[in-house]
């Protein structure tokens, strides 16, 4: 969690962190930067925090997908036919 306090008009700002936070630099074209500023303002946050939240959501979504995929692939496959039964031939499936 990140918290901050300070005064408006360029006064001192303080921040507190409950976990390590890494700063990164990104490069955006002007249209994308403008869009990001507008979206961040709509969410009442800074561009930095807004981008961080987007990346965190994406990371969680990817992790959830990978866990679900792994769980699915670990399942034992269901048989396509009862034991001893034969599958239909290609011609039987595609009778014309």
PDB file of N, CA and C in Angstrom:
ATOM      1  N   UNK A   1       0.844  -1.173   0.000  1.00  0.00           N
ATOM      2  CA  UNK A   1       0.000   0.000   0.000  1.00  0.00           C
ATOM      3  C   UNK A   1       0.880   1.224   0.000  1.00  0.00           C
ATOM      4  N   UNK A   2       0.529   2.228  -0.773  1.00  0.00           N
ATOM      5  CA  UNK A   2       1.265   3.471  -0.843  1.00  0.00           C
ATOM      6  C   UNK A   2       0.340   4.559  -0.320  1.00  0.00           C
ATOM      7  N   UNK A   3       0.848   5.405   0.538  1.00  0.00           N
ATOM      8  CA  UNK A   3       0.028   6.516   1.002  1.00  0.00           C
ATOM      9  C   UNK A   3       0.848   7.773   0.889  1.00  0.00           C
ATOM     10  N   UNK A   4       0.188   8.900   0.843  1.00  0.00           N
ATOM     11  CA  UNK A   4       0.915  10.146   0.703  1.00  0.00           C
ATOM     12  C   UNK A   4       0.165  11.274   1.363  1.00  0.00           C
ATOM     13  N   UNK A   5       0.885  12.261   1.771  1.00  0.00           N
ATOM     14  CA  UNK A   5       0.279  13.467   2.292  1.00  0.00           C
ATOM     15  C   UNK A   5       1.170  14.610   1.886  1.00  0.00           C
ATOM     16  N   UNK A   6       0.633  15.760   1.891  1.00  0.00           N
ATOM     17  CA  UNK A   6       1.408  16.922   1.516  1.00  0.00           C
ATOM     18  C   UNK A   6       0.496  18.099   1.381  1.00  0.00           C
ATOM     19  N   UNK A   7       1.048  19.198   1.018  1.00  0.00           N
ATOM     20  CA  UNK A   7       0.254  20.395   0.851  1.00  0.00           C
ATOM     21  C   UNK A   7       0.218  20.738  -0.610  1.00  0.00           C
ATOM     22  N   UNK A   8      -0.800  21.447  -1.007  1.00  0.00           N
ATOM     23  CA  UNK A   8      -0.874  21.880  -2.396  1.00  0.00           C
ATOM     24  C   UNK A   8       0.052  23.056  -2.590  1.00  0.00           C
ATOM     25  N   UNK A   9       0.368  23.363  -3.802  1.00  0.00           N
ATOM     26  CA  UNK A   9       1.222  24.502  -4.090  1.00  0.00           C
ATOM     27  C   UNK A   9       2.696  24.190  -3.968  1.00  0.00           C
ATOM     28  N   UNK A  10       3.056  22.934  -4.095  1.00  0.00           N
ATOM     29  CA  UNK A  10       4.473  22.602  -4.116  1.00  0.00           C
ATOM     30  C   UNK A  10       5.088  22.364  -2.755  1.00  0.00           C
ATOM     31  N   UNK A  11       4.268  22.203  -1.727  1.00  0.00           N
ATOM     32  CA  UNK A  11       4.778  21.946  -0.386  1.00  0.00           C
ATOM     33  C   UNK A  11       5.378  20.561  -0.289  1.00  0.00           C
ATOM     34  N   UNK A  12       5.909  20.234   0.875  1.00  0.00           N
ATOM     35  CA  UNK A  12       6.540  18.919   1.039  1.00  0.00           C
ATOM     36  C   UNK A  12       5.530  17.787   0.942  1.00  0.00           C
ATOM     37  N   UNK A  13       5.975  16.681   0.418  1.00  0.00           N
ATOM     38  CA  UNK A  13       5.144  15.479   0.314  1.00  0.00           C
ATOM     39  C   UNK A  13       5.873  14.361   1.027  1.00  0.00           C
ATOM     40  N   UNK A  14       5.107  13.547   1.684  1.00  0.00           N
ATOM     41  CA  UNK A  14       5.679  12.359   2.303  1.00  0.00           C
ATOM     42  C   UNK A  14       4.927  11.162   1.788  1.00  0.00           C
ATOM     43  N   UNK A  15       5.576  10.040   1.726  1.00  0.00           N
ATOM     44  CA  UNK A  15       4.960   8.801   1.292  1.00  0.00           C
ATOM     45  C   UNK A  15       5.346   7.700   2.258  1.00  0.00           C
ATOM     46  N   UNK A  16       4.489   6.722   2.390  1.00  0.00           N
ATOM     47  CA  UNK A  16       4.841   5.550   3.185  1.00  0.00           C
ATOM     48  C   UNK A  16       4.571   4.311   2.360  1.00  0.00           C
ATOM     49  N   UNK A  17       5.391   3.310   2.536  1.00  0.00           N
ATOM     50  CA  UNK A  17       5.278   2.081   1.774  1.00  0.00           C
ATOM     51  C   UNK A  17       5.231   0.922   2.746  1.00  0.00           C
ATOM     52  N   UNK A  18       4.341  -0.020   2.504  1.00  0.00           N
ATOM     53  CA  UNK A  18       4.333  -1.231   3.321  1.00  0.00           C
ATOM     54  C   UNK A  18       5.058  -2.355   2.608  1.00  0.00           C
ATOM     55  N   UNK A  19       5.460  -2.120   1.367  1.00  0.00           N
ATOM     56  CA  UNK A  19       6.238  -3.096   0.622  1.00  0.00           C
ATOM     57  C   UNK A  19       7.151  -2.345  -0.326  1.00  0.00           C
ATOM     58  N   UNK A  20       8.180  -3.015  -0.810  1.00  0.00           N
ATOM     59  CA  UNK A  20       9.134  -2.387  -1.713  1.00  0.00           C
ATOM     60  C   UNK A  20       8.465  -2.041  -3.037  1.00  0.00           C
ATOM     61  N   UNK A  21       8.686  -0.841  -3.520  1.00  0.00           N
ATOM     62  CA  UNK A  21       8.122  -0.386  -4.794  1.00  0.00           C
ATOM     63  C   UNK A  21       9.280   0.023  -5.691  1.00  0.00           C
ATOM     64  N   UNK A  22       9.257  -0.440  -6.935  1.00  0.00           N
ATOM     65  CA  UNK A  22      10.317  -0.144  -7.895  1.00  0.00           C
ATOM     66  C   UNK A  22       9.809   0.912  -8.875  1.00  0.00           C
ATOM     67  N   UNK A  23      10.584   1.953  -9.083  1.00  0.00           N
ATOM     68  CA  UNK A  23      10.253   2.959 -10.089  1.00  0.00           C
ATOM     69  C   UNK A  23      10.770   2.493 -11.438  1.00  0.00           C
ATOM     70  N   UNK A  24       9.983   2.713 -12.478  1.00  0.00           N
ATOM     71  CA  UNK A  24      10.400   2.406 -13.842  1.00  0.00           C
ATOM     72  C   UNK A  24      10.085   3.601 -14.720  1.00  0.00           C
ATOM     73  N   UNK A  25      10.742   3.682 -15.839  1.00  0.00           N
ATOM     74  CA  UNK A  25      10.495   4.738 -16.813  1.00  0.00           C
ATOM     75  C   UNK A  25       9.914   4.101 -18.060  1.00  0.00           C
ATOM     76  N   UNK A  26       8.851   4.698 -18.593  1.00  0.00           N
ATOM     77  CA  UNK A  26       8.263   4.215 -19.842  1.00  0.00           C
ATOM     78  C   UNK A  26       8.258   5.354 -20.842  1.00  0.00           C
ATOM     79  N   UNK A  27       8.273   5.012 -22.105  1.00  0.00           N
ATOM     80  CA  UNK A  27       8.239   5.989 -23.172  1.00  0.00           C
ATOM     81  C   UNK A  27       6.928   5.834 -23.927  1.00  0.00           C
ATOM     82  N   UNK A  28       6.192   6.940 -24.073  1.00  0.00           N
ATOM     83  CA  UNK A  28       4.901   6.937 -24.757  1.00  0.00           C
ATOM     84  C   UNK A  28       4.890   7.995 -25.839  1.00  0.00           C
ATOM     85  N   UNK A  29       4.166   7.713 -26.920  1.00  0.00           N
ATOM     86  CA  UNK A  29       3.971   8.770 -27.903  1.00  0.00           C
ATOM     87  C   UNK A  29       3.003   9.791 -27.302  1.00  0.00           C
ATOM     88  N   UNK A  30       2.928  10.968 -27.888  1.00  0.00           N
ATOM     89  CA  UNK A  30       2.146  12.076 -27.311  1.00  0.00           C
ATOM     90  C   UNK A  30       0.667  11.739 -27.160  1.00  0.00           C
ATOM     91  N   UNK A  31       0.067  11.091 -28.157  1.00  0.00           N
ATOM     92  CA  UNK A  31      -1.357  10.737 -28.063  1.00  0.00           C
ATOM     93  C   UNK A  31      -1.621   9.760 -26.924  1.00  0.00           C
ATOM     94  N   UNK A  32      -0.753   8.773 -26.787  1.00  0.00           N
ATOM     95  CA  UNK A  32      -0.919   7.795 -25.710  1.00  0.00           C
ATOM     96  C   UNK A  32      -0.705   8.451 -24.349  1.00  0.00           C
ATOM     97  N   UNK A  33       0.279   9.321 -24.239  1.00  0.00           N
ATOM     98  CA  UNK A  33       0.535  10.026 -22.984  1.00  0.00           C
ATOM     99  C   UNK A  33      -0.669  10.896 -22.606  1.00  0.00           C
ATOM    100  N   UNK A  34      -1.250  11.578 -23.571  1.00  0.00           N
ATOM    101  CA  UNK A  34      -2.435  12.409 -23.317  1.00  0.00           C
ATOM    102  C   UNK A  34      -3.590  11.541 -22.843  1.00  0.00           C
ATOM    103  N   UNK A  35      -3.807  10.412 -23.523  1.00  0.00           N
ATOM    104  CA  UNK A  35      -4.875   9.496 -23.136  1.00  0.00           C
ATOM    105  C   UNK A  35      -4.653   8.976 -21.712  1.00  0.00           C
ATOM    106  N   UNK A  36      -3.407   8.617 -21.399  1.00  0.00           N
ATOM    107  CA  UNK A  36      -3.091   8.100 -20.066  1.00  0.00           C
ATOM    108  C   UNK A  36      -3.361   9.153 -18.992  1.00  0.00           C
ATOM    109  N   UNK A  37      -3.006  10.405 -19.254  1.00  0.00           N
ATOM    110  CA  UNK A  37      -3.272  11.466 -18.281  1.00  0.00           C
ATOM    111  C   UNK A  37      -4.768  11.631 -18.052  1.00  0.00           C
ATOM    112  N   UNK A  38      -5.550  11.568 -19.128  1.00  0.00           N
ATOM    113  CA  UNK A  38      -7.009  11.707 -19.016  1.00  0.00           C
ATOM    114  C   UNK A  38      -7.594  10.533 -18.234  1.00  0.00           C
ATOM    115  N   UNK A  39      -7.172   9.309 -18.570  1.00  0.00           N
ATOM    116  CA  UNK A  39      -7.685   8.126 -17.871  1.00  0.00           C
ATOM    117  C   UNK A  39      -7.304   8.151 -16.391  1.00  0.00           C
ATOM    118  N   UNK A  40      -6.081   8.541 -16.094  1.00  0.00           N
ATOM    119  CA  UNK A  40      -5.652   8.627 -14.697  1.00  0.00           C
ATOM    120  C   UNK A  40      -6.498   9.653 -13.949  1.00  0.00           C
ATOM    121  N   UNK A  41      -6.756  10.789 -14.579  1.00  0.00           N
ATOM    122  CA  UNK A  41      -7.590  11.820 -13.953  1.00  0.00           C
ATOM    123  C   UNK A  41      -9.008  11.301 -13.726  1.00  0.00           C
ATOM    124  N   UNK A  42      -9.539  10.546 -14.685  1.00  0.00           N
ATOM    125  CA  UNK A  42     -10.883   9.973 -14.518  1.00  0.00           C
ATOM    126  C   UNK A  42     -10.936   9.029 -13.337  1.00  0.00           C
ATOM    127  N   UNK A  43      -9.817   8.377 -13.025  1.00  0.00           N
ATOM    128  CA  UNK A  43      -9.750   7.461 -11.896  1.00  0.00           C
ATOM    129  C   UNK A  43      -9.198   8.148 -10.644  1.00  0.00           C
ATOM    130  N   UNK A  44      -9.039   9.452 -10.721  1.00  0.00           N
ATOM    131  CA  UNK A  44      -8.580  10.268  -9.596  1.00  0.00           C
ATOM    132  C   UNK A  44      -7.264   9.754  -9.022  1.00  0.00           C
ATOM    133  N   UNK A  45      -6.304   9.521  -9.922  1.00  0.00           N
ATOM    134  CA  UNK A  45      -4.999   9.032  -9.498  1.00  0.00           C
ATOM    135  C   UNK A  45      -3.930   9.587 -10.438  1.00  0.00           C
ATOM    136  N   UNK A  46      -2.690   9.325 -10.113  1.00  0.00           N
ATOM    137  CA  UNK A  46      -1.587   9.754 -10.978  1.00  0.00           C
ATOM    138  C   UNK A  46      -1.430   8.766 -12.136  1.00  0.00           C
ATOM    139  N   UNK A  47      -0.760   9.213 -13.185  1.00  0.00           N
ATOM    140  CA  UNK A  47      -0.488   8.319 -14.316  1.00  0.00           C
ATOM    141  C   UNK A  47       0.353   7.138 -13.834  1.00  0.00           C
ATOM    142  N   UNK A  48       1.320   7.416 -12.995  1.00  0.00           N
ATOM    143  CA  UNK A  48       2.190   6.352 -12.493  1.00  0.00           C
ATOM    144  C   UNK A  48       1.388   5.285 -11.753  1.00  0.00           C
ATOM    145  N   UNK A  49       0.534   5.709 -10.843  1.00  0.00           N
ATOM    146  CA  UNK A  49      -0.258   4.735 -10.081  1.00  0.00           C
ATOM    147  C   UNK A  49      -1.262   4.031 -10.990  1.00  0.00           C
ATOM    148  N   UNK A  50      -1.858   4.762 -11.929  1.00  0.00           N
ATOM    149  CA  UNK A  50      -2.841   4.166 -12.842  1.00  0.00           C
ATOM    150  C   UNK A  50      -2.194   3.080 -13.704  1.00  0.00           C
ATOM    151  N   UNK A  51      -1.017   3.380 -14.253  1.00  0.00           N
ATOM    152  CA  UNK A  51      -0.300   2.385 -15.061  1.00  0.00           C
ATOM    153  C   UNK A  51       0.087   1.192 -14.185  1.00  0.00           C
ATOM    154  N   UNK A  52       0.536   1.461 -12.963  1.00  0.00           N
ATOM    155  CA  UNK A  52       0.871   0.382 -12.048  1.00  0.00           C
ATOM    156  C   UNK A  52      -0.318  -0.521 -11.763  1.00  0.00           C
ATOM    157  N   UNK A  53      -1.496   0.076 -11.584  1.00  0.00           N
ATOM    158  CA  UNK A  53      -2.699  -0.720 -11.338  1.00  0.00           C
ATOM    159  C   UNK A  53      -3.073  -1.552 -12.562  1.00  0.00           C
ATOM    160  N   UNK A  54      -2.939  -0.954 -13.753  1.00  0.00           N
ATOM    161  CA  UNK A  54      -3.214  -1.711 -14.978  1.00  0.00           C
ATOM    162  C   UNK A  54      -2.288  -2.923 -15.092  1.00  0.00           C
ATOM    163  N   UNK A  55      -1.016  -2.701 -14.833  1.00  0.00           N
ATOM    164  CA  UNK A  55      -0.050  -3.800 -14.929  1.00  0.00           C
ATOM    165  C   UNK A  55      -0.317  -4.864 -13.871  1.00  0.00           C
ATOM    166  N   UNK A  56      -0.681  -4.445 -12.658  1.00  0.00           N
ATOM    167  CA  UNK A  56      -0.990  -5.414 -11.609  1.00  0.00           C
ATOM    168  C   UNK A  56      -2.214  -6.244 -11.978  1.00  0.00           C
ATOM    169  N   UNK A  57      -3.254  -5.604 -12.527  1.00  0.00           N
ATOM    170  CA  UNK A  57      -4.445  -6.339 -12.976  1.00  0.00           C
ATOM    171  C   UNK A  57      -4.082  -7.339 -14.059  1.00  0.00           C
ATOM    172  N   UNK A  58      -3.247  -6.928 -14.992  1.00  0.00           N
ATOM    173  CA  UNK A  58      -2.822  -7.818 -16.074  1.00  0.00           C
ATOM    174  C   UNK A  58      -2.019  -8.998 -15.538  1.00  0.00           C
ATOM    175  N   UNK A  59      -1.127  -8.703 -14.585  1.00  0.00           N
ATOM    176  CA  UNK A  59      -0.319  -9.757 -13.976  1.00  0.00           C
ATOM    177  C   UNK A  59      -1.194 -10.774 -13.269  1.00  0.00           C
ATOM    178  N   UNK A  60      -2.148 -10.294 -12.489  1.00  0.00           N
ATOM    179  CA  UNK A  60      -3.049 -11.202 -11.774  1.00  0.00           C
ATOM    180  C   UNK A  60      -3.888 -12.029 -12.747  1.00  0.00           C
ATOM    181  N   UNK A  61      -4.367 -11.389 -13.790  1.00  0.00           N
ATOM    182  CA  UNK A  61      -5.163 -12.095 -14.788  1.00  0.00           C
ATOM    183  C   UNK A  61      -4.338 -13.197 -15.447  1.00  0.00           C
ATOM    184  N   UNK A  62      -3.107 -12.885 -15.785  1.00  0.00           N
ATOM    185  CA  UNK A  62      -2.219 -13.867 -16.408  1.00  0.00           C
ATOM    186  C   UNK A  62      -1.937 -15.016 -15.449  1.00  0.00           C
ATOM    187  N   UNK A  63      -1.679 -14.697 -14.188  1.00  0.00           N
ATOM    188  CA  UNK A  63      -1.424 -15.754 -13.201  1.00  0.00           C
ATOM    189  C   UNK A  63      -2.659 -16.629 -13.018  1.00  0.00           C
ATOM    190  N   UNK A  64      -3.838 -16.014 -12.945  1.00  0.00           N
ATOM    191  CA  UNK A  64      -5.082 -16.782 -12.800  1.00  0.00           C
ATOM    192  C   UNK A  64      -5.275 -17.707 -13.997  1.00  0.00           C
ATOM    193  N   UNK A  65      -5.018 -17.187 -15.204  1.00  0.00           N
ATOM    194  CA  UNK A  65      -5.163 -18.000 -16.409  1.00  0.00           C
ATOM    195  C   UNK A  65      -4.194 -19.181 -16.379  1.00  0.00           C
ATOM    196  N   UNK A  66      -2.944 -18.907 -16.025  1.00  0.00           N
ATOM    197  CA  UNK A  66      -1.941 -19.971 -15.999  1.00  0.00           C
ATOM    198  C   UNK A  66      -2.284 -21.040 -14.962  1.00  0.00           C
ATOM    199  N   UNK A  67      -2.791 -20.623 -13.797  1.00  0.00           N
ATOM    200  CA  UNK A  67      -3.195 -21.597 -12.780  1.00  0.00           C
ATOM    201  C   UNK A  67      -4.342 -22.457 -13.299  1.00  0.00           C
ATOM    202  N   UNK A  68      -5.336 -21.827 -13.910  1.00  0.00           N
ATOM    203  CA  UNK A  68      -6.485 -22.571 -14.437  1.00  0.00           C
ATOM    204  C   UNK A  68      -6.042 -23.517 -15.550  1.00  0.00           C
ATOM    205  N   UNK A  69      -5.166 -23.050 -16.428  1.00  0.00           N
ATOM    206  CA  UNK A  69      -4.659 -23.887 -17.521  1.00  0.00           C
ATOM    207  C   UNK A  69      -3.906 -25.092 -16.966  1.00  0.00           C
ATOM    208  N   UNK A  70      -3.047 -24.839 -16.000  1.00  0.00           N
ATOM    209  CA  UNK A  70      -2.276 -25.926 -15.392  1.00  0.00           C
ATOM    210  C   UNK A  70      -3.216 -26.942 -14.731  1.00  0.00           C
ATOM    211  N   UNK A  71      -4.209 -26.443 -14.011  1.00  0.00           N
ATOM    212  CA  UNK A  71      -5.170 -27.323 -13.349  1.00  0.00           C
ATOM    213  C   UNK A  71      -5.916 -28.175 -14.372  1.00  0.00           C
ATOM    214  N   UNK A  72      -6.328 -27.555 -15.471  1.00  0.00           N
ATOM    215  CA  UNK A  72      -7.052 -28.282 -16.518  1.00  0.00           C
ATOM    216  C   UNK A  72      -6.170 -29.353 -17.152  1.00  0.00           C
ATOM    217  N   UNK A  73      -4.942 -28.997 -17.445  1.00  0.00           N
ATOM    218  CA  UNK A  73      -4.047 -29.942 -18.108  1.00  0.00           C
ATOM    219  C   UNK A  73      -3.629 -31.085 -17.188  1.00  0.00           C
ATOM    220  N   UNK A  74      -3.758 -30.917 -15.884  1.00  0.00           N
ATOM    221  CA  UNK A  74      -3.417 -31.982 -14.948  1.00  0.00           C
ATOM    222  C   UNK A  74      -4.529 -33.019 -14.810  1.00  0.00           C
ATOM    223  N   UNK A  75      -5.715 -32.675 -15.300  1.00  0.00           N
ATOM    224  CA  UNK A  75      -6.841 -33.603 -15.201  1.00  0.00           C
ATOM    225  C   UNK A  75      -6.626 -34.803 -16.118  1.00  0.00           C
ATOM    226  N   UNK A  76      -7.160 -35.901 -15.698  1.00  0.00           N
ATOM    227  CA  UNK A  76      -7.102 -37.095 -16.530  1.00  0.00           C
ATOM    228  C   UNK A  76      -8.159 -36.977 -17.620  1.00  0.00           C
ATOM    229  N   UNK A  77      -7.806 -37.307 -18.838  1.00  0.00           N
ATOM    230  CA  UNK A  77      -8.732 -37.199 -19.956  1.00  0.00           C
ATOM    231  C   UNK A  77      -9.901 -38.162 -19.832  1.00  0.00           C
ATOM    232  N   UNK A  78     -11.048 -37.740 -20.288  1.00  0.00           N
ATOM    233  CA  UNK A  78     -12.234 -38.597 -20.287  1.00  0.00           C
ATOM    234  C   UNK A  78     -12.188 -39.494 -21.523  1.00  0.00           C
ATOM    235  N   UNK A  79     -12.606 -40.748 -21.382  1.00  0.00           N
ATOM    236  CA  UNK A  79     -12.583 -41.643 -22.548  1.00  0.00           C
ATOM    237  C   UNK A  79     -13.586 -41.186 -23.609  1.00  0.00           C
ATOM    238  N   UNK A  80     -13.232 -41.365 -24.860  1.00  0.00           N
ATOM    239  CA  UNK A  80     -14.098 -40.984 -25.971  1.00  0.00           C
ATOM    240  C   UNK A  80     -15.140 -42.058 -26.271  1.00  0.00           C
ATOM    241  N   UNK A  81     -14.915 -43.243 -25.760  1.00  0.00           N
ATOM    242  CA  UNK A  81     -15.834 -44.355 -26.036  1.00  0.00           C
ATOM    243  C   UNK A  81     -15.800 -45.309 -24.848  1.00  0.00           C
ATOM    244  N   UNK A  82     -16.843 -46.085 -24.690  1.00  0.00           N
ATOM    245  CA  UNK A  82     -16.811 -47.087 -23.623  1.00  0.00           C
ATOM    246  C   UNK A  82     -15.765 -48.160 -23.945  1.00  0.00           C
ATOM    247  N   UNK A  83     -15.244 -48.812 -22.926  1.00  0.00           N
ATOM    248  CA  UNK A  83     -14.253 -49.866 -23.176  1.00  0.00           C
ATOM    249  C   UNK A  83     -14.823 -50.937 -24.120  1.00  0.00           C
ATOM    250  N   UNK A  84     -14.037 -51.313 -25.101  1.00  0.00           N
ATOM    251  CA  UNK A  84     -14.438 -52.347 -26.049  1.00  0.00           C
ATOM    252  C   UNK A  84     -15.213 -51.823 -27.249  1.00  0.00           C
ATOM    253  N   UNK A  85     -15.736 -50.615 -27.198  1.00  0.00           N
ATOM    254  CA  UNK A  85     -16.489 -50.057 -28.322  1.00  0.00           C
ATOM    255  C   UNK A  85     -15.510 -49.524 -29.370  1.00  0.00           C
ATOM    256  N   UNK A  86     -15.953 -49.496 -30.614  1.00  0.00           N
ATOM    257  CA  UNK A  86     -15.112 -48.962 -31.686  1.00  0.00           C
ATOM    258  C   UNK A  86     -15.629 -47.590 -32.075  1.00  0.00           C
ATOM    259  N   UNK A  87     -14.711 -46.774 -32.502  1.00  0.00           N
ATOM    260  CA  UNK A  87     -15.089 -45.444 -32.978  1.00  0.00           C
ATOM    261  C   UNK A  87     -15.588 -45.557 -34.411  1.00  0.00           C
ATOM    262  N   UNK A  88     -16.492 -44.668 -34.838  1.00  0.00           N
ATOM    263  CA  UNK A  88     -16.953 -44.715 -36.227  1.00  0.00           C
ATOM    264  C   UNK A  88     -15.804 -44.382 -37.184  1.00  0.00           C
ATOM    265  N   UNK A  89     -15.898 -44.930 -38.390  1.00  0.00           N
ATOM    266  CA  UNK A  89     -14.872 -44.646 -39.393  1.00  0.00           C
ATOM    267  C   UNK A  89     -15.091 -43.234 -39.944  1.00  0.00           C
ATOM    268  N   UNK A  90     -14.098 -42.766 -40.674  1.00  0.00           N
ATOM    269  CA  UNK A  90     -14.204 -41.444 -41.285  1.00  0.00           C
ATOM    270  C   UNK A  90     -15.397 -41.401 -42.225  1.00  0.00           C
ATOM    271  N   UNK A  91     -15.571 -42.440 -43.034  1.00  0.00           N
ATOM    272  CA  UNK A  91     -16.694 -42.466 -43.984  1.00  0.00           C
ATOM    273  C   UNK A  91     -18.033 -42.444 -43.252  1.00  0.00           C
ATOM    274  N   UNK A  92     -18.119 -43.129 -42.121  1.00  0.00           N
ATOM    275  CA  UNK A  92     -19.371 -43.123 -41.357  1.00  0.00           C
ATOM    276  C   UNK A  92     -19.653 -41.730 -40.777  1.00  0.00           C
ATOM    277  N   UNK A  93     -18.621 -41.034 -40.395  1.00  0.00           N
ATOM    278  CA  UNK A  93     -18.807 -39.688 -39.842  1.00  0.00           C
ATOM    279  C   UNK A  93     -19.179 -38.684 -40.933  1.00  0.00           C
ATOM    280  N   UNK A  94     -18.667 -38.889 -42.121  1.00  0.00           N
ATOM    281  CA  UNK A  94     -18.858 -37.921 -43.197  1.00  0.00           C
ATOM    282  C   UNK A  94     -19.678 -38.539 -44.356  1.00  0.00           C
ATOM    283  N   UNK A  95     -20.751 -39.196 -44.031  1.00  0.00           N
ATOM    284  CA  UNK A  95     -21.590 -39.793 -45.090  1.00  0.00           C
ATOM    285  C   UNK A  95     -22.119 -38.678 -45.976  1.00  0.00           C
ATOM    286  N   UNK A  96     -21.982 -38.911 -47.261  1.00  0.00           N
ATOM    287  CA  UNK A  96     -22.373 -37.851 -48.201  1.00  0.00           C
ATOM    288  C   UNK A  96     -23.475 -38.311 -49.081  1.00  0.00           C
TER     289      UNK A  96
END
